[in-house]
Amino acid sequence: MLSPSEEVTCQVSPPKKIRGYSKREAARSNEVKSSCRMEKKGLLRSVEFFMYHGIRIKSLITDRHVQIVKWLREHMTDTQHCFDTWHVAKGLKKKLHALSKEQDSSHITPWIKSLVNRLYWTAASSPNQNVELMQEK
């Protein structure tokens, strides 16, 4: 069993390497009314599991799910919440492609891949999700 001082990396999808945590812990589609609620329910069960075992969640990385962001902001104020870089990059790429299709904006198209790569590089090369350092880059 883990001691409270140990750090754990976890993902919302059911982990296989944590003893006592099974795939049954994840929410099932027949337990909630929609897939959006299922994602939040799965996170709540995971957080409950760790709290029950005395494991403090220092930081959590999720997609940009609105219900999860709100719940974390209201209930887990001591936990650092970060967005998954892939989801942020996907959103940026989608917006840049839409912008490039507007009149007089086609010059953006050749830069989209470089901008998305720069986002990945900034996130990967910034220790401890240092926001100030990311903004400087």
C-alpha atoms as a PDB file:
ATOM      1  CA  MET A   1       0.000   0.000   0.000  1.00  0.00           C
ATOM      2  CA  LEU A   2       1.148   3.544  -0.678  1.00  0.00           C
ATOM      3  CA  SER A   3       2.170   5.873   2.098  1.00  0.00           C
ATOM      4  CA  PRO A   4       0.727   9.428   2.170  1.00  0.00           C
ATOM      5  CA  SER A   5       4.148  10.907   1.361  1.00  0.00           C
ATOM      6  CA  GLU A   6       4.502   8.980  -1.918  1.00  0.00           C
ATOM      7  CA  GLU A   7       3.527  10.637  -5.171  1.00  0.00           C
ATOM      8  CA  VAL A   8       1.286   8.805  -7.594  1.00  0.00           C
ATOM      9  CA  THR A   9       0.534   9.434 -11.242  1.00  0.00           C
ATOM     10  CA  CYS A  10      -2.988   8.452 -12.177  1.00  0.00           C
ATOM     11  CA  GLN A  11      -5.295   8.829 -15.105  1.00  0.00           C
ATOM     12  CA  VAL A  12      -9.083   8.999 -14.985  1.00  0.00           C
ATOM     13  CA  SER A  13      -9.437   5.845 -17.056  1.00  0.00           C
ATOM     14  CA  PRO A  14      -9.150   2.819 -14.788  1.00  0.00           C
ATOM     15  CA  PRO A  15      -5.503   2.235 -13.866  1.00  0.00           C
ATOM     16  CA  LYS A  16      -4.277  -1.361 -13.826  1.00  0.00           C
ATOM     17  CA  LYS A  17      -1.348  -1.051 -11.440  1.00  0.00           C
ATOM     18  CA  ILE A  18      -2.995   0.308  -8.286  1.00  0.00           C
ATOM     19  CA  ARG A  19      -3.983  -2.501  -5.957  1.00  0.00           C
ATOM     20  CA  GLY A  20      -7.590  -2.337  -4.823  1.00  0.00           C
ATOM     21  CA  TYR A  21      -8.702  -0.267  -7.795  1.00  0.00           C
ATOM     22  CA  SER A  22     -10.612  -2.187 -10.416  1.00  0.00           C
ATOM     23  CA  LYS A  23     -12.316  -1.377 -13.682  1.00  0.00           C
ATOM     24  CA  ARG A  24     -15.604  -1.438 -11.797  1.00  0.00           C
ATOM     25  CA  GLU A  25     -14.601   1.871 -10.216  1.00  0.00           C
ATOM     26  CA  ALA A  26     -15.130   3.683 -13.508  1.00  0.00           C
ATOM     27  CA  ALA A  27     -18.637   4.925 -14.203  1.00  0.00           C
ATOM     28  CA  ARG A  28     -20.832   2.838 -16.456  1.00  0.00           C
ATOM     29  CA  SER A  29     -23.071   4.334 -19.095  1.00  0.00           C
ATOM     30  CA  ASN A  30     -26.218   2.982 -17.435  1.00  0.00           C
ATOM     31  CA  GLU A  31     -25.364   4.719 -14.127  1.00  0.00           C
ATOM     32  CA  VAL A  32     -25.572   8.253 -15.510  1.00  0.00           C
ATOM     33  CA  LYS A  33     -27.738  10.014 -18.066  1.00  0.00           C
ATOM     34  CA  SER A  34     -25.018  11.116 -20.506  1.00  0.00           C
ATOM     35  CA  SER A  35     -21.407  10.493 -21.471  1.00  0.00           C
ATOM     36  CA  CYS A  36     -20.475  13.972 -20.189  1.00  0.00           C
ATOM     37  CA  ARG A  37     -21.720  13.041 -16.733  1.00  0.00           C
ATOM     38  CA  MET A  38     -19.961   9.680 -16.959  1.00  0.00           C
ATOM     39  CA  GLU A  39     -16.565  11.388 -17.272  1.00  0.00           C
ATOM     40  CA  LYS A  40     -17.190  13.503 -14.172  1.00  0.00           C
ATOM     41  CA  LYS A  41     -18.534  10.504 -12.245  1.00  0.00           C
ATOM     42  CA  GLY A  42     -15.389   8.517 -13.104  1.00  0.00           C
ATOM     43  CA  LEU A  43     -13.186  11.343 -11.826  1.00  0.00           C
ATOM     44  CA  LEU A  44     -15.206  11.656  -8.606  1.00  0.00           C
ATOM     45  CA  ARG A  45     -14.842   7.935  -7.936  1.00  0.00           C
ATOM     46  CA  SER A  46     -11.095   8.093  -8.567  1.00  0.00           C
ATOM     47  CA  VAL A  47     -10.686  11.071  -6.223  1.00  0.00           C
ATOM     48  CA  GLU A  48     -12.821   9.323  -3.594  1.00  0.00           C
ATOM     49  CA  PHE A  49     -10.648   6.203  -3.852  1.00  0.00           C
ATOM     50  CA  PHE A  50      -7.435   8.147  -3.281  1.00  0.00           C
ATOM     51  CA  MET A  51      -8.893  10.203  -0.415  1.00  0.00           C
ATOM     52  CA  TYR A  52     -10.189   7.053   1.265  1.00  0.00           C
ATOM     53  CA  HIS A  53      -6.668   5.601   1.179  1.00  0.00           C
ATOM     54  CA  GLY A  54      -5.137   8.842   2.488  1.00  0.00           C
ATOM     55  CA  ILE A  55      -3.400   9.739  -0.754  1.00  0.00           C
ATOM     56  CA  ARG A  56      -3.285  13.492  -1.369  1.00  0.00           C
ATOM     57  CA  ILE A  57      -3.693  14.623  -4.983  1.00  0.00           C
ATOM     58  CA  LYS A  58      -1.111  17.343  -5.549  1.00  0.00           C
ATOM     59  CA  SER A  59      -1.804  17.973  -9.233  1.00  0.00           C
ATOM     60  CA  LEU A  60      -4.293  16.690 -11.757  1.00  0.00           C
ATOM     61  CA  ILE A  61      -4.227  16.830 -15.552  1.00  0.00           C
ATOM     62  CA  THR A  62      -7.534  16.557 -17.396  1.00  0.00           C
ATOM     63  CA  ASP A  63      -9.086  17.550 -20.683  1.00  0.00           C
ATOM     64  CA  ARG A  64     -11.055  20.803 -20.804  1.00  0.00           C
ATOM     65  CA  HIS A  65     -14.321  19.241 -19.586  1.00  0.00           C
ATOM     66  CA  VAL A  66     -16.418  22.128 -18.215  1.00  0.00           C
ATOM     67  CA  GLN A  67     -18.098  20.185 -15.382  1.00  0.00           C
ATOM     68  CA  ILE A  68     -14.777  18.774 -14.177  1.00  0.00           C
ATOM     69  CA  VAL A  69     -13.060  22.184 -14.290  1.00  0.00           C
ATOM     70  CA  LYS A  70     -15.845  23.711 -12.188  1.00  0.00           C
ATOM     71  CA  TRP A  71     -15.890  20.839  -9.685  1.00  0.00           C
ATOM     72  CA  LEU A  72     -12.109  20.945  -9.225  1.00  0.00           C
ATOM     73  CA  ARG A  73     -12.169  24.734  -8.781  1.00  0.00           C
ATOM     74  CA  GLU A  74     -14.860  24.482  -6.089  1.00  0.00           C
ATOM     75  CA  HIS A  75     -13.869  21.277  -4.244  1.00  0.00           C
ATOM     76  CA  MET A  76     -10.134  20.723  -4.692  1.00  0.00           C
ATOM     77  CA  THR A  77      -8.652  24.172  -4.141  1.00  0.00           C
ATOM     78  CA  ASP A  78      -5.303  22.777  -2.930  1.00  0.00           C
ATOM     79  CA  THR A  79      -4.841  20.686  -6.075  1.00  0.00           C
ATOM     80  CA  GLN A  80      -3.071  22.166  -9.085  1.00  0.00           C
ATOM     81  CA  HIS A  81      -5.243  21.578 -12.147  1.00  0.00           C
ATOM     82  CA  CYS A  82      -3.675  21.550 -15.617  1.00  0.00           C
ATOM     83  CA  PHE A  83      -5.107  20.848 -19.030  1.00  0.00           C
ATOM     84  CA  ASP A  84      -3.788  18.020 -21.172  1.00  0.00           C
ATOM     85  CA  THR A  85      -1.556  19.541 -23.849  1.00  0.00           C
ATOM     86  CA  TRP A  86      -3.039  17.368 -26.593  1.00  0.00           C
ATOM     87  CA  HIS A  87      -6.554  18.719 -25.961  1.00  0.00           C
ATOM     88  CA  VAL A  88      -5.342  22.334 -25.841  1.00  0.00           C
ATOM     89  CA  ALA A  89      -3.347  21.855 -29.063  1.00  0.00           C
ATOM     90  CA  LYS A  90      -6.335  20.230 -30.769  1.00  0.00           C
ATOM     91  CA  GLY A  91      -8.525  23.232 -29.866  1.00  0.00           C
ATOM     92  CA  LEU A  92      -5.882  25.718 -31.023  1.00  0.00           C
ATOM     93  CA  LYS A  93      -5.403  23.902 -34.330  1.00  0.00           C
ATOM     94  CA  LYS A  94      -9.159  23.822 -34.956  1.00  0.00           C
ATOM     95  CA  LYS A  95      -9.489  27.569 -34.285  1.00  0.00           C
ATOM     96  CA  LEU A  96      -6.489  28.435 -36.458  1.00  0.00           C
ATOM     97  CA  HIS A  97      -7.872  26.349 -39.357  1.00  0.00           C
ATOM     98  CA  ALA A  98     -11.227  28.138 -39.033  1.00  0.00           C
ATOM     99  CA  LEU A  99      -9.465  31.513 -38.968  1.00  0.00           C
ATOM    100  CA  SER A 100      -7.365  30.632 -42.022  1.00  0.00           C
ATOM    101  CA  LYS A 101     -10.534  29.990 -44.039  1.00  0.00           C
ATOM    102  CA  GLU A 102     -11.802  33.521 -43.447  1.00  0.00           C
ATOM    103  CA  GLN A 103     -11.246  36.181 -46.076  1.00  0.00           C
ATOM    104  CA  ASP A 104      -7.689  37.622 -46.149  1.00  0.00           C
ATOM    105  CA  SER A 105      -6.419  35.088 -43.575  1.00  0.00           C
ATOM    106  CA  SER A 106      -5.063  32.306 -45.772  1.00  0.00           C
ATOM    107  CA  HIS A 107      -1.492  33.376 -44.892  1.00  0.00           C
ATOM    108  CA  ILE A 108      -1.988  31.671 -41.500  1.00  0.00           C
ATOM    109  CA  THR A 109      -2.250  28.153 -42.991  1.00  0.00           C
ATOM    110  CA  PRO A 110       1.502  27.471 -43.428  1.00  0.00           C
ATOM    111  CA  TRP A 111       2.129  28.502 -39.802  1.00  0.00           C
ATOM    112  CA  ILE A 112      -0.451  26.263 -38.107  1.00  0.00           C
ATOM    113  CA  LYS A 113       1.796  23.215 -37.712  1.00  0.00           C
ATOM    114  CA  SER A 114       4.651  25.345 -36.334  1.00  0.00           C
ATOM    115  CA  LEU A 115       2.352  27.088 -33.849  1.00  0.00           C
ATOM    116  CA  VAL A 116       0.961  23.785 -32.564  1.00  0.00           C
ATOM    117  CA  ASN A 117       4.484  22.329 -32.300  1.00  0.00           C
ATOM    118  CA  ARG A 118       5.553  25.438 -30.365  1.00  0.00           C
ATOM    119  CA  LEU A 119       2.702  24.842 -27.915  1.00  0.00           C
ATOM    120  CA  TYR A 120       3.879  21.256 -27.329  1.00  0.00           C
ATOM    121  CA  TRP A 121       7.507  22.391 -26.931  1.00  0.00           C
ATOM    122  CA  THR A 122       6.533  25.108 -24.445  1.00  0.00           C
ATOM    123  CA  ALA A 123       4.582  22.657 -22.292  1.00  0.00           C
ATOM    124  CA  ALA A 124       7.271  19.960 -22.452  1.00  0.00           C
ATOM    125  CA  SER A 125      10.185  22.277 -21.688  1.00  0.00           C
ATOM    126  CA  SER A 126       8.566  24.122 -18.755  1.00  0.00           C
ATOM    127  CA  PRO A 127       9.215  22.396 -15.415  1.00  0.00           C
ATOM    128  CA  ASN A 128       6.349  22.080 -12.922  1.00  0.00           C
ATOM    129  CA  GLN A 129       3.810  23.744 -15.221  1.00  0.00           C
ATOM    130  CA  ASN A 130       5.449  27.143 -14.548  1.00  0.00           C
ATOM    131  CA  VAL A 131       2.906  29.517 -16.130  1.00  0.00           C
ATOM    132  CA  GLU A 132       5.181  32.575 -16.065  1.00  0.00           C
ATOM    133  CA  LEU A 133       7.944  30.666 -17.850  1.00  0.00           C
ATOM    134  CA  MET A 134       5.481  29.342 -20.447  1.00  0.00           C
ATOM    135  CA  GLN A 135       4.254  32.866 -21.187  1.00  0.00           C
ATOM    136  CA  GLU A 136       7.825  34.086 -21.674  1.00  0.00           C
ATOM    137  CA  LYS A 137       8.499  31.321 -24.204  1.00  0.00           C
END
